[in-house]
PDB file of N, CA and C in Angstrom:
ATOM      1  N   MET A   1     -67.901  78.286 -39.380  1.00  0.00           N
ATOM      2  CA  MET A   1     -68.889  77.638 -40.218  1.00  0.00           C
ATOM      3  C   MET A   1     -69.188  76.243 -39.663  1.00  0.00           C
ATOM      4  N   ARG A   2     -70.438  75.954 -39.494  1.00  0.00           N
ATOM      5  CA  ARG A   2     -70.866  74.643 -38.985  1.00  0.00           C
ATOM      6  C   ARG A   2     -71.009  73.669 -40.130  1.00  0.00           C
ATOM      7  N   ARG A   3     -70.566  72.458 -39.870  1.00  0.00           N
ATOM      8  CA  ARG A   3     -70.686  71.386 -40.846  1.00  0.00           C
ATOM      9  C   ARG A   3     -72.053  70.739 -40.745  1.00  0.00           C
ATOM     10  N   THR A   4     -72.540  70.246 -41.877  1.00  0.00           N
ATOM     11  CA  THR A   4     -73.734  69.409 -41.871  1.00  0.00           C
ATOM     12  C   THR A   4     -73.374  68.096 -42.531  1.00  0.00           C
ATOM     13  N   TRP A   5     -74.074  67.038 -42.106  1.00  0.00           N
ATOM     14  CA  TRP A   5     -73.765  65.679 -42.525  1.00  0.00           C
ATOM     15  C   TRP A   5     -74.990  65.004 -43.117  1.00  0.00           C
ATOM     16  N   LEU A   6     -74.778  64.152 -44.111  1.00  0.00           N
ATOM     17  CA  LEU A   6     -75.789  63.202 -44.556  1.00  0.00           C
ATOM     18  C   LEU A   6     -75.404  61.860 -43.957  1.00  0.00           C
ATOM     19  N   TYR A   7     -76.383  61.016 -43.682  1.00  0.00           N
ATOM     20  CA  TYR A   7     -76.110  59.682 -43.154  1.00  0.00           C
ATOM     21  C   TYR A   7     -76.998  58.679 -43.866  1.00  0.00           C
ATOM     22  N   LEU A   8     -76.565  57.403 -43.847  1.00  0.00           N
ATOM     23  CA  LEU A   8     -77.355  56.339 -44.472  1.00  0.00           C
ATOM     24  C   LEU A   8     -78.210  55.662 -43.420  1.00  0.00           C
ATOM     25  N   ASP A   9     -79.515  55.525 -43.716  1.00  0.00           N
ATOM     26  CA  ASP A   9     -80.423  54.834 -42.805  1.00  0.00           C
ATOM     27  C   ASP A   9     -80.238  53.317 -42.955  1.00  0.00           C
ATOM     28  N   PRO A  10     -80.964  52.493 -42.171  1.00  0.00           N
ATOM     29  CA  PRO A  10     -80.790  51.038 -42.264  1.00  0.00           C
ATOM     30  C   PRO A  10     -81.053  50.448 -43.648  1.00  0.00           C
ATOM     31  N   LEU A  11     -81.777  51.165 -44.510  1.00  0.00           N
ATOM     32  CA  LEU A  11     -82.028  50.694 -45.872  1.00  0.00           C
ATOM     33  C   LEU A  11     -81.051  51.321 -46.870  1.00  0.00           C
ATOM     34  N   ASN A  12     -79.959  51.919 -46.335  1.00  0.00           N
ATOM     35  CA  ASN A  12     -78.926  52.582 -47.139  1.00  0.00           C
ATOM     36  C   ASN A  12     -79.455  53.742 -47.962  1.00  0.00           C
ATOM     37  N   GLN A  13     -80.483  54.422 -47.449  1.00  0.00           N
ATOM     38  CA  GLN A  13     -81.015  55.606 -48.096  1.00  0.00           C
ATOM     39  C   GLN A  13     -80.426  56.837 -47.421  1.00  0.00           C
ATOM     40  N   PRO A  14     -79.945  57.824 -48.185  1.00  0.00           N
ATOM     41  CA  PRO A  14     -79.373  59.033 -47.571  1.00  0.00           C
ATOM     42  C   PRO A  14     -80.439  59.817 -46.813  1.00  0.00           C
ATOM     43  N   ARG A  15     -80.077  60.283 -45.636  1.00  0.00           N
ATOM     44  CA  ARG A  15     -80.955  61.108 -44.799  1.00  0.00           C
ATOM     45  C   ARG A  15     -80.159  62.306 -44.321  1.00  0.00           C
ATOM     46  N   GLY A  16     -80.858  63.334 -43.899  1.00  0.00           N
ATOM     47  CA  GLY A  16     -80.198  64.515 -43.360  1.00  0.00           C
ATOM     48  C   GLY A  16     -80.570  65.725 -44.188  1.00  0.00           C
ATOM     49  N   PRO A  17     -79.875  66.805 -43.992  1.00  0.00           N
ATOM     50  CA  PRO A  17     -78.634  66.941 -43.245  1.00  0.00           C
ATOM     51  C   PRO A  17     -78.859  67.039 -41.742  1.00  0.00           C
ATOM     52  N   VAL A  18     -77.809  66.672 -40.992  1.00  0.00           N
ATOM     53  CA  VAL A  18     -77.791  66.832 -39.540  1.00  0.00           C
ATOM     54  C   VAL A  18     -76.531  67.586 -39.160  1.00  0.00           C
ATOM     55  N   THR A  19     -76.577  68.254 -38.013  1.00  0.00           N
ATOM     56  CA  THR A  19     -75.432  69.013 -37.525  1.00  0.00           C
ATOM     57  C   THR A  19     -74.489  68.101 -36.746  1.00  0.00           C
ATOM     58  N   ASP A  20     -73.312  68.624 -36.395  1.00  0.00           N
ATOM     59  CA  ASP A  20     -72.363  67.868 -35.580  1.00  0.00           C
ATOM     60  C   ASP A  20     -73.004  67.382 -34.285  1.00  0.00           C
ATOM     61  N   SER A  21     -73.732  68.264 -33.611  1.00  0.00           N
ATOM     62  CA  SER A  21     -74.322  67.876 -32.320  1.00  0.00           C
ATOM     63  C   SER A  21     -75.420  66.830 -32.504  1.00  0.00           C
ATOM     64  N   GLN A  22     -76.214  66.925 -33.570  1.00  0.00           N
ATOM     65  CA  GLN A  22     -77.228  65.907 -33.832  1.00  0.00           C
ATOM     66  C   GLN A  22     -76.573  64.562 -34.139  1.00  0.00           C
ATOM     67  N   LEU A  23     -75.487  64.588 -34.907  1.00  0.00           N
ATOM     68  CA  LEU A  23     -74.771  63.363 -35.229  1.00  0.00           C
ATOM     69  C   LEU A  23     -74.152  62.758 -33.973  1.00  0.00           C
ATOM     70  N   ALA A  24     -73.624  63.593 -33.093  1.00  0.00           N
ATOM     71  CA  ALA A  24     -73.061  63.090 -31.835  1.00  0.00           C
ATOM     72  C   ALA A  24     -74.127  62.367 -31.023  1.00  0.00           C
ATOM     73  N   ASN A  25     -75.336  62.913 -30.967  1.00  0.00           N
ATOM     74  CA  ASN A  25     -76.425  62.271 -30.246  1.00  0.00           C
ATOM     75  C   ASN A  25     -76.805  60.946 -30.906  1.00  0.00           C
ATOM     76  N   MET A  26     -76.825  60.912 -32.223  1.00  0.00           N
ATOM     77  CA  MET A  26     -77.158  59.685 -32.945  1.00  0.00           C
ATOM     78  C   MET A  26     -76.109  58.601 -32.693  1.00  0.00           C
ATOM     79  N   LEU A  27     -74.836  58.978 -32.599  1.00  0.00           N
ATOM     80  CA  LEU A  27     -73.757  58.004 -32.403  1.00  0.00           C
ATOM     81  C   LEU A  27     -73.809  57.340 -31.043  1.00  0.00           C
ATOM     82  N   SER A  28     -74.515  57.941 -30.097  1.00  0.00           N
ATOM     83  CA  SER A  28     -74.631  57.302 -28.781  1.00  0.00           C
ATOM     84  C   SER A  28     -75.569  56.101 -28.842  1.00  0.00           C
ATOM     85  N   HIS A  29     -76.339  55.971 -29.926  1.00  0.00           N
ATOM     86  CA  HIS A  29     -77.290  54.867 -30.069  1.00  0.00           C
ATOM     87  C   HIS A  29     -76.870  53.846 -31.117  1.00  0.00           C
ATOM     88  N   SER A  30     -76.193  54.298 -32.172  1.00  0.00           N
ATOM     89  CA  SER A  30     -75.849  53.410 -33.276  1.00  0.00           C
ATOM     90  C   SER A  30     -74.722  54.045 -34.077  1.00  0.00           C
ATOM     91  N   ASP A  31     -74.174  53.325 -35.030  1.00  0.00           N
ATOM     92  CA  ASP A  31     -73.143  53.865 -35.904  1.00  0.00           C
ATOM     93  C   ASP A  31     -73.748  54.062 -37.289  1.00  0.00           C
ATOM     94  N   TYR A  32     -73.204  54.987 -38.048  1.00  0.00           N
ATOM     95  CA  TYR A  32     -73.757  55.321 -39.351  1.00  0.00           C
ATOM     96  C   TYR A  32     -72.650  55.564 -40.354  1.00  0.00           C
ATOM     97  N   PHE A  33     -72.963  55.361 -41.635  1.00  0.00           N
ATOM     98  CA  PHE A  33     -72.115  55.869 -42.692  1.00  0.00           C
ATOM     99  C   PHE A  33     -72.507  57.324 -42.884  1.00  0.00           C
ATOM    100  N   VAL A  34     -71.514  58.204 -42.970  1.00  0.00           N
ATOM    101  CA  VAL A  34     -71.778  59.639 -43.077  1.00  0.00           C
ATOM    102  C   VAL A  34     -70.973  60.239 -44.219  1.00  0.00           C
ATOM    103  N   TRP A  35     -71.457  61.384 -44.694  1.00  0.00           N
ATOM    104  CA  TRP A  35     -70.775  62.129 -45.734  1.00  0.00           C
ATOM    105  C   TRP A  35     -71.004  63.604 -45.490  1.00  0.00           C
ATOM    106  N   THR A  36     -69.971  64.405 -45.760  1.00  0.00           N
ATOM    107  CA  THR A  36     -70.093  65.853 -45.722  1.00  0.00           C
ATOM    108  C   THR A  36     -69.368  66.423 -46.932  1.00  0.00           C
ATOM    109  N   GLU A  37     -69.673  67.645 -47.284  1.00  0.00           N
ATOM    110  CA  GLU A  37     -69.062  68.275 -48.447  1.00  0.00           C
ATOM    111  C   GLU A  37     -67.542  68.260 -48.330  1.00  0.00           C
ATOM    112  N   GLY A  38     -66.880  67.885 -49.415  1.00  0.00           N
ATOM    113  CA  GLY A  38     -65.429  67.823 -49.438  1.00  0.00           C
ATOM    114  C   GLY A  38     -64.868  66.451 -49.099  1.00  0.00           C
ATOM    115  N   GLN A  39     -65.736  65.540 -48.647  1.00  0.00           N
ATOM    116  CA  GLN A  39     -65.303  64.180 -48.298  1.00  0.00           C
ATOM    117  C   GLN A  39     -65.356  63.316 -49.549  1.00  0.00           C
ATOM    118  N   ASP A  40     -64.365  62.429 -49.722  1.00  0.00           N
ATOM    119  CA  ASP A  40     -64.293  61.598 -50.933  1.00  0.00           C
ATOM    120  C   ASP A  40     -65.474  60.663 -51.093  1.00  0.00           C
ATOM    121  N   GLY A  41     -65.928  60.049 -50.002  1.00  0.00           N
ATOM    122  CA  GLY A  41     -67.036  59.104 -50.074  1.00  0.00           C
ATOM    123  C   GLY A  41     -67.624  58.889 -48.693  1.00  0.00           C
ATOM    124  N   TRP A  42     -68.559  57.962 -48.598  1.00  0.00           N
ATOM    125  CA  TRP A  42     -69.199  57.645 -47.329  1.00  0.00           C
ATOM    126  C   TRP A  42     -68.186  56.973 -46.408  1.00  0.00           C
ATOM    127  N   MET A  43     -68.180  57.370 -45.137  1.00  0.00           N
ATOM    128  CA  MET A  43     -67.262  56.798 -44.159  1.00  0.00           C
ATOM    129  C   MET A  43     -68.035  56.450 -42.896  1.00  0.00           C
ATOM    130  N   VAL A  44     -67.514  55.499 -42.123  1.00  0.00           N
ATOM    131  CA  VAL A  44     -68.147  55.103 -40.870  1.00  0.00           C
ATOM    132  C   VAL A  44     -67.910  56.215 -39.848  1.00  0.00           C
ATOM    133  N   ALA A  45     -68.987  56.719 -39.265  1.00  0.00           N
ATOM    134  CA  ALA A  45     -68.894  57.861 -38.352  1.00  0.00           C
ATOM    135  C   ALA A  45     -67.976  57.577 -37.174  1.00  0.00           C
ATOM    136  N   SER A  46     -68.044  56.378 -36.593  1.00  0.00           N
ATOM    137  CA  SER A  46     -67.217  56.076 -35.423  1.00  0.00           C
ATOM    138  C   SER A  46     -65.734  56.047 -35.780  1.00  0.00           C
ATOM    139  N   GLU A  47     -65.408  55.877 -37.062  1.00  0.00           N
ATOM    140  CA  GLU A  47     -64.011  55.920 -37.491  1.00  0.00           C
ATOM    141  C   GLU A  47     -63.541  57.355 -37.684  1.00  0.00           C
ATOM    142  N   LEU A  48     -64.460  58.272 -37.891  1.00  0.00           N
ATOM    143  CA  LEU A  48     -64.106  59.671 -38.095  1.00  0.00           C
ATOM    144  C   LEU A  48     -64.049  60.457 -36.805  1.00  0.00           C
ATOM    145  N   PHE A  49     -64.906  60.112 -35.858  1.00  0.00           N
ATOM    146  CA  PHE A  49     -65.069  60.942 -34.681  1.00  0.00           C
ATOM    147  C   PHE A  49     -64.814  60.179 -33.400  1.00  0.00           C
ATOM    148  N   ALA A  50     -64.229  60.871 -32.451  1.00  0.00           N
ATOM    149  CA  ALA A  50     -64.046  60.304 -31.121  1.00  0.00           C
ATOM    150  C   ALA A  50     -65.393  60.344 -30.414  1.00  0.00           C
ATOM    151  N   ARG A  51     -65.736  59.279 -29.737  1.00  0.00           N
ATOM    152  CA  ARG A  51     -66.949  59.284 -28.931  1.00  0.00           C
ATOM    153  C   ARG A  51     -66.611  59.811 -27.560  1.00  0.00           C
ATOM    154  N   PRO A  52     -67.519  60.427 -26.825  1.00  0.00           N
ATOM    155  CA  PRO A  52     -68.952  60.502 -27.002  1.00  0.00           C
ATOM    156  C   PRO A  52     -69.425  61.661 -27.864  1.00  0.00           C
ATOM    157  N   GLY A  53     -68.550  62.538 -28.345  1.00  0.00           N
ATOM    158  CA  GLY A  53     -69.001  63.680 -29.121  1.00  0.00           C
ATOM    159  C   GLY A  53     -68.424  63.668 -30.510  1.00  0.00           C
ATOM    160  N   VAL A  54     -68.774  64.675 -31.269  1.00  0.00           N
ATOM    161  CA  VAL A  54     -68.323  64.774 -32.640  1.00  0.00           C
ATOM    162  C   VAL A  54     -67.384  65.964 -32.791  1.00  0.00           C
ATOM    163  N   GLU A  55     -66.983  66.570 -31.687  1.00  0.00           N
ATOM    164  CA  GLU A  55     -66.210  67.792 -31.758  1.00  0.00           C
ATOM    165  C   GLU A  55     -64.798  67.573 -32.275  1.00  0.00           C
ATOM    166  N   LYS A  56     -64.220  66.409 -32.066  1.00  0.00           N
ATOM    167  CA  LYS A  56     -62.817  66.181 -32.380  1.00  0.00           C
ATOM    168  C   LYS A  56     -62.669  65.076 -33.432  1.00  0.00           C
ATOM    169  N   LEU A  57     -62.068  65.424 -34.549  1.00  0.00           N
ATOM    170  CA  LEU A  57     -61.804  64.422 -35.580  1.00  0.00           C
ATOM    171  C   LEU A  57     -60.718  63.473 -35.099  1.00  0.00           C
ATOM    172  N   ARG A  58     -60.832  62.206 -35.423  1.00  0.00           N
ATOM    173  CA  ARG A  58     -59.840  61.212 -35.046  1.00  0.00           C
ATOM    174  C   ARG A  58     -58.609  61.244 -35.933  1.00  0.00           C
ATOM    175  N   GLY A  59     -58.742  61.696 -37.134  1.00  0.00           N
ATOM    176  CA  GLY A  59     -57.606  61.665 -38.038  1.00  0.00           C
ATOM    177  C   GLY A  59     -57.761  60.553 -39.049  1.00  0.00           C
ATOM    178  N   GLU A  60     -56.694  59.804 -39.294  1.00  0.00           N
ATOM    179  CA  GLU A  60     -56.687  58.759 -40.313  1.00  0.00           C
ATOM    180  C   GLU A  60     -57.659  57.639 -39.977  1.00  0.00           C
ATOM    181  N   GLN A  61     -58.393  57.181 -40.972  1.00  0.00           N
ATOM    182  CA  GLN A  61     -59.356  56.096 -40.797  1.00  0.00           C
ATOM    183  C   GLN A  61     -58.622  54.778 -40.598  1.00  0.00           C
ATOM    184  N   SER A  62     -59.160  53.909 -39.735  1.00  0.00           N
ATOM    185  CA  SER A  62     -58.573  52.592 -39.505  1.00  0.00           C
ATOM    186  C   SER A  62     -58.643  51.768 -40.785  1.00  0.00           C
ATOM    187  N   ARG A  63     -57.605  50.956 -40.998  1.00  0.00           N
ATOM    188  CA  ARG A  63     -57.529  50.158 -42.219  1.00  0.00           C
ATOM    189  C   ARG A  63     -57.228  48.702 -41.867  1.00  0.00           C
ATOM    190  N   ASP A  64     -57.667  47.798 -42.748  1.00  0.00           N
ATOM    191  CA  ASP A  64     -57.376  46.372 -42.570  1.00  0.00           C
ATOM    192  C   ASP A  64     -55.959  46.081 -43.072  1.00  0.00           C
ATOM    193  N   PRO A  65     -55.476  44.831 -42.929  1.00  0.00           N
ATOM    194  CA  PRO A  65     -54.110  44.511 -43.368  1.00  0.00           C
ATOM    195  C   PRO A  65     -53.850  44.766 -44.857  1.00  0.00           C
ATOM    196  N   ASN A  66     -54.899  44.828 -45.675  1.00  0.00           N
ATOM    197  CA  ASN A  66     -54.747  45.096 -47.105  1.00  0.00           C
ATOM    198  C   ASN A  66     -54.842  46.585 -47.444  1.00  0.00           C
ATOM    199  N   GLY A  67     -54.955  47.420 -46.416  1.00  0.00           N
ATOM    200  CA  GLY A  67     -55.037  48.861 -46.637  1.00  0.00           C
ATOM    201  C   GLY A  67     -56.423  49.370 -46.945  1.00  0.00           C
ATOM    202  N   GLN A  68     -57.447  48.514 -46.852  1.00  0.00           N
ATOM    203  CA  GLN A  68     -58.813  48.926 -47.129  1.00  0.00           C
ATOM    204  C   GLN A  68     -59.458  49.493 -45.867  1.00  0.00           C
ATOM    205  N   PRO A  69     -60.329  50.514 -45.999  1.00  0.00           N
ATOM    206  CA  PRO A  69     -60.993  51.058 -44.802  1.00  0.00           C
ATOM    207  C   PRO A  69     -61.834  49.997 -44.117  1.00  0.00           C
ATOM    208  N   LEU A  70     -61.781  49.983 -42.794  1.00  0.00           N
ATOM    209  CA  LEU A  70     -62.624  49.059 -42.032  1.00  0.00           C
ATOM    210  C   LEU A  70     -64.054  49.555 -42.080  1.00  0.00           C
ATOM    211  N   MET A  71     -64.977  48.668 -42.338  1.00  0.00           N
ATOM    212  CA  MET A  71     -66.385  49.021 -42.464  1.00  0.00           C
ATOM    213  C   MET A  71     -67.190  48.308 -41.391  1.00  0.00           C
ATOM    214  N   HIS A  72     -66.961  48.673 -40.146  1.00  0.00           N
ATOM    215  CA  HIS A  72     -67.673  48.047 -39.045  1.00  0.00           C
ATOM    216  C   HIS A  72     -69.176  48.246 -39.213  1.00  0.00           C
ATOM    217  N   GLY A  73     -69.917  47.176 -39.113  1.00  0.00           N
ATOM    218  CA  GLY A  73     -71.367  47.258 -39.181  1.00  0.00           C
ATOM    219  C   GLY A  73     -71.940  47.321 -40.579  1.00  0.00           C
ATOM    220  N   PHE A  74     -71.092  47.445 -41.589  1.00  0.00           N
ATOM    221  CA  PHE A  74     -71.594  47.550 -42.947  1.00  0.00           C
ATOM    222  C   PHE A  74     -72.213  46.229 -43.369  1.00  0.00           C
ATOM    223  N   ASN A  75     -73.475  46.225 -43.661  1.00  0.00           N
ATOM    224  CA  ASN A  75     -74.221  45.021 -44.055  1.00  0.00           C
ATOM    225  C   ASN A  75     -74.129  43.917 -43.018  1.00  0.00           C
ATOM    226  N   SER A  76     -73.920  44.277 -41.767  1.00  0.00           N
ATOM    227  CA  SER A  76     -73.720  43.258 -40.731  1.00  0.00           C
ATOM    228  C   SER A  76     -74.937  42.352 -40.584  1.00  0.00           C
ATOM    229  N   GLU A  77     -76.121  42.906 -40.674  1.00  0.00           N
ATOM    230  CA  GLU A  77     -77.327  42.085 -40.527  1.00  0.00           C
ATOM    231  C   GLU A  77     -77.399  41.035 -41.635  1.00  0.00           C
ATOM    232  N   ARG A  78     -77.088  41.432 -42.858  1.00  0.00           N
ATOM    233  CA  ARG A  78     -77.117  40.503 -43.981  1.00  0.00           C
ATOM    234  C   ARG A  78     -76.020  39.442 -43.851  1.00  0.00           C
ATOM    235  N   ARG A  79     -74.815  39.857 -43.390  1.00  0.00           N
ATOM    236  CA  ARG A  79     -73.723  38.893 -43.226  1.00  0.00           C
ATOM    237  C   ARG A  79     -74.043  37.887 -42.132  1.00  0.00           C
ATOM    238  N   ILE A  80     -74.656  38.336 -41.045  1.00  0.00           N
ATOM    239  CA  ILE A  80     -75.039  37.430 -39.959  1.00  0.00           C
ATOM    240  C   ILE A  80     -76.087  36.447 -40.451  1.00  0.00           C
ATOM    241  N   ASP A  81     -77.084  36.941 -41.181  1.00  0.00           N
ATOM    242  CA  ASP A  81     -78.131  36.069 -41.718  1.00  0.00           C
ATOM    243  C   ASP A  81     -77.537  35.018 -42.651  1.00  0.00           C
ATOM    244  N   ARG A  82     -76.606  35.423 -43.510  1.00  0.00           N
ATOM    245  CA  ARG A  82     -75.961  34.485 -44.425  1.00  0.00           C
ATOM    246  C   ARG A  82     -75.189  33.409 -43.651  1.00  0.00           C
ATOM    247  N   ALA A  83     -74.467  33.806 -42.591  1.00  0.00           N
ATOM    248  CA  ALA A  83     -73.695  32.844 -41.798  1.00  0.00           C
ATOM    249  C   ALA A  83     -74.615  31.854 -41.089  1.00  0.00           C
ATOM    250  N   VAL A  84     -75.737  32.338 -40.570  1.00  0.00           N
ATOM    251  CA  VAL A  84     -76.694  31.449 -39.895  1.00  0.00           C
ATOM    252  C   VAL A  84     -77.286  30.465 -40.894  1.00  0.00           C
ATOM    253  N   GLN A  85     -77.634  30.952 -42.087  1.00  0.00           N
ATOM    254  CA  GLN A  85     -78.197  30.058 -43.111  1.00  0.00           C
ATOM    255  C   GLN A  85     -77.183  28.997 -43.530  1.00  0.00           C
ATOM    256  N   GLU A  86     -75.911  29.391 -43.643  1.00  0.00           N
ATOM    257  CA  GLU A  86     -74.870  28.421 -43.992  1.00  0.00           C
ATOM    258  C   GLU A  86     -74.723  27.359 -42.899  1.00  0.00           C
ATOM    259  N   LEU A  87     -74.733  27.800 -41.649  1.00  0.00           N
ATOM    260  CA  LEU A  87     -74.626  26.858 -40.533  1.00  0.00           C
ATOM    261  C   LEU A  87     -75.815  25.903 -40.512  1.00  0.00           C
ATOM    262  N   LEU A  88     -77.014  26.434 -40.717  1.00  0.00           N
ATOM    263  CA  LEU A  88     -78.201  25.572 -40.747  1.00  0.00           C
ATOM    264  C   LEU A  88     -78.129  24.557 -41.886  1.00  0.00           C
ATOM    265  N   GLY A  89     -77.610  24.965 -43.034  1.00  0.00           N
ATOM    266  CA  GLY A  89     -77.454  24.036 -44.151  1.00  0.00           C
ATOM    267  C   GLY A  89     -76.495  22.907 -43.821  1.00  0.00           C
ATOM    268  N   LEU A  90     -75.382  23.237 -43.153  1.00  0.00           N
ATOM    269  CA  LEU A  90     -74.435  22.201 -42.748  1.00  0.00           C
ATOM    270  C   LEU A  90     -75.056  21.228 -41.748  1.00  0.00           C
ATOM    271  N   VAL A  91     -75.794  21.775 -40.793  1.00  0.00           N
ATOM    272  CA  VAL A  91     -76.435  20.922 -39.785  1.00  0.00           C
ATOM    273  C   VAL A  91     -77.476  20.019 -40.440  1.00  0.00           C
ATOM    274  N   ARG A  92     -78.246  20.556 -41.372  1.00  0.00           N
ATOM    275  CA  ARG A  92     -79.239  19.735 -42.080  1.00  0.00           C
ATOM    276  C   ARG A  92     -78.556  18.598 -42.837  1.00  0.00           C
ATOM    277  N   GLY A  93     -77.427  18.905 -43.488  1.00  0.00           N
ATOM    278  CA  GLY A  93     -76.692  17.878 -44.213  1.00  0.00           C
ATOM    279  C   GLY A  93     -76.192  16.782 -43.293  1.00  0.00           C
ATOM    280  N   VAL A  94     -75.742  17.151 -42.104  1.00  0.00           N
ATOM    281  CA  VAL A  94     -75.249  16.172 -41.139  1.00  0.00           C
ATOM    282  C   VAL A  94     -76.393  15.299 -40.648  1.00  0.00           C
ATOM    283  N   THR A  95     -77.538  15.901 -40.375  1.00  0.00           N
ATOM    284  CA  THR A  95     -78.649  15.132 -39.811  1.00  0.00           C
ATOM    285  C   THR A  95     -79.368  14.270 -40.843  1.00  0.00           C
ATOM    286  N   LEU A  96     -79.278  14.592 -42.125  1.00  0.00           N
ATOM    287  CA  LEU A  96     -79.965  13.801 -43.148  1.00  0.00           C
ATOM    288  C   LEU A  96     -79.434  12.381 -43.246  1.00  0.00           C
ATOM    289  N   ASP A  97     -78.128  12.234 -43.242  1.00  0.00           N
ATOM    290  CA  ASP A  97     -77.587  10.886 -43.390  1.00  0.00           C
ATOM    291  C   ASP A  97     -77.231  10.240 -42.052  1.00  0.00           C
ATOM    292  N   GLY A  98     -77.267  10.986 -40.979  1.00  0.00           N
ATOM    293  CA  GLY A  98     -77.000  10.430 -39.656  1.00  0.00           C
ATOM    294  C   GLY A  98     -75.544  10.082 -39.403  1.00  0.00           C
ATOM    295  N   VAL A  99     -74.658  10.502 -40.309  1.00  0.00           N
ATOM    296  CA  VAL A  99     -73.229  10.219 -40.156  1.00  0.00           C
ATOM    297  C   VAL A  99     -72.466  11.542 -40.200  1.00  0.00           C
ATOM    298  N   VAL A 100     -71.583  11.728 -39.227  1.00  0.00           N
ATOM    299  CA  VAL A 100     -70.751  12.927 -39.205  1.00  0.00           C
ATOM    300  C   VAL A 100     -69.374  12.568 -39.757  1.00  0.00           C
ATOM    301  N   THR A 101     -69.032  13.165 -40.908  1.00  0.00           N
ATOM    302  CA  THR A 101     -67.747  12.875 -41.528  1.00  0.00           C
ATOM    303  C   THR A 101     -66.694  13.901 -41.095  1.00  0.00           C
ATOM    304  N   ASP A 102     -65.431  13.585 -41.346  1.00  0.00           N
ATOM    305  CA  ASP A 102     -64.359  14.517 -41.030  1.00  0.00           C
ATOM    306  C   ASP A 102     -64.529  15.843 -41.797  1.00  0.00           C
ATOM    307  N   THR A 103     -64.960  15.761 -43.027  1.00  0.00           N
ATOM    308  CA  THR A 103     -65.189  16.951 -43.838  1.00  0.00           C
ATOM    309  C   THR A 103     -66.259  17.845 -43.224  1.00  0.00           C
ATOM    310  N   GLU A 104     -67.338  17.243 -42.711  1.00  0.00           N
ATOM    311  CA  GLU A 104     -68.405  18.015 -42.078  1.00  0.00           C
ATOM    312  C   GLU A 104     -67.907  18.667 -40.792  1.00  0.00           C
ATOM    313  N   ILE A 105     -67.063  17.969 -40.053  1.00  0.00           N
ATOM    314  CA  ILE A 105     -66.509  18.544 -38.818  1.00  0.00           C
ATOM    315  C   ILE A 105     -65.651  19.747 -39.136  1.00  0.00           C
ATOM    316  N   VAL A 106     -64.797  19.616 -40.153  1.00  0.00           N
ATOM    317  CA  VAL A 106     -63.941  20.735 -40.548  1.00  0.00           C
ATOM    318  C   VAL A 106     -64.792  21.923 -41.001  1.00  0.00           C
ATOM    319  N   ALA A 107     -65.849  21.671 -41.756  1.00  0.00           N
ATOM    320  CA  ALA A 107     -66.739  22.734 -42.225  1.00  0.00           C
ATOM    321  C   ALA A 107     -67.424  23.429 -41.050  1.00  0.00           C
ATOM    322  N   LEU A 108     -67.850  22.656 -40.062  1.00  0.00           N
ATOM    323  CA  LEU A 108     -68.507  23.245 -38.887  1.00  0.00           C
ATOM    324  C   LEU A 108     -67.522  24.040 -38.034  1.00  0.00           C
ATOM    325  N   GLU A 109     -66.259  23.625 -37.989  1.00  0.00           N
ATOM    326  CA  GLU A 109     -65.263  24.374 -37.233  1.00  0.00           C
ATOM    327  C   GLU A 109     -65.058  25.758 -37.831  1.00  0.00           C
ATOM    328  N   GLY A 110     -65.245  25.896 -39.142  1.00  0.00           N
ATOM    329  CA  GLY A 110     -65.057  27.174 -39.798  1.00  0.00           C
ATOM    330  C   GLY A 110     -66.197  28.153 -39.599  1.00  0.00           C
ATOM    331  N   CYS A 111     -67.289  27.703 -39.043  1.00  0.00           N
ATOM    332  CA  CYS A 111     -68.453  28.586 -38.855  1.00  0.00           C
ATOM    333  C   CYS A 111     -68.315  29.439 -37.615  1.00  0.00           C
TER     334      CYS A 111
END
């Protein structure tokens, strides 16, 4: 029996179904959240499957130090945009008064 998969597009809308071979081809270009019947929830495809193909399951999903599944790429565009906006705000604050304080330096080091 062949498996079919649903995947989330860049707007987090479910798309599919796609077959294992179609998903393998898609993974050569980008990573996706995927779901198939019997799976508890959406998972990152690259965490489930060995690249370059989808024929072999990897086994246990990678987890962070707190035991949570790693979500590589999840909302990455939004997180990057937020970090850039925060950095720009710090730089604007520094340039407004023309004085760089120790607090501002520490804040910039964290970016």
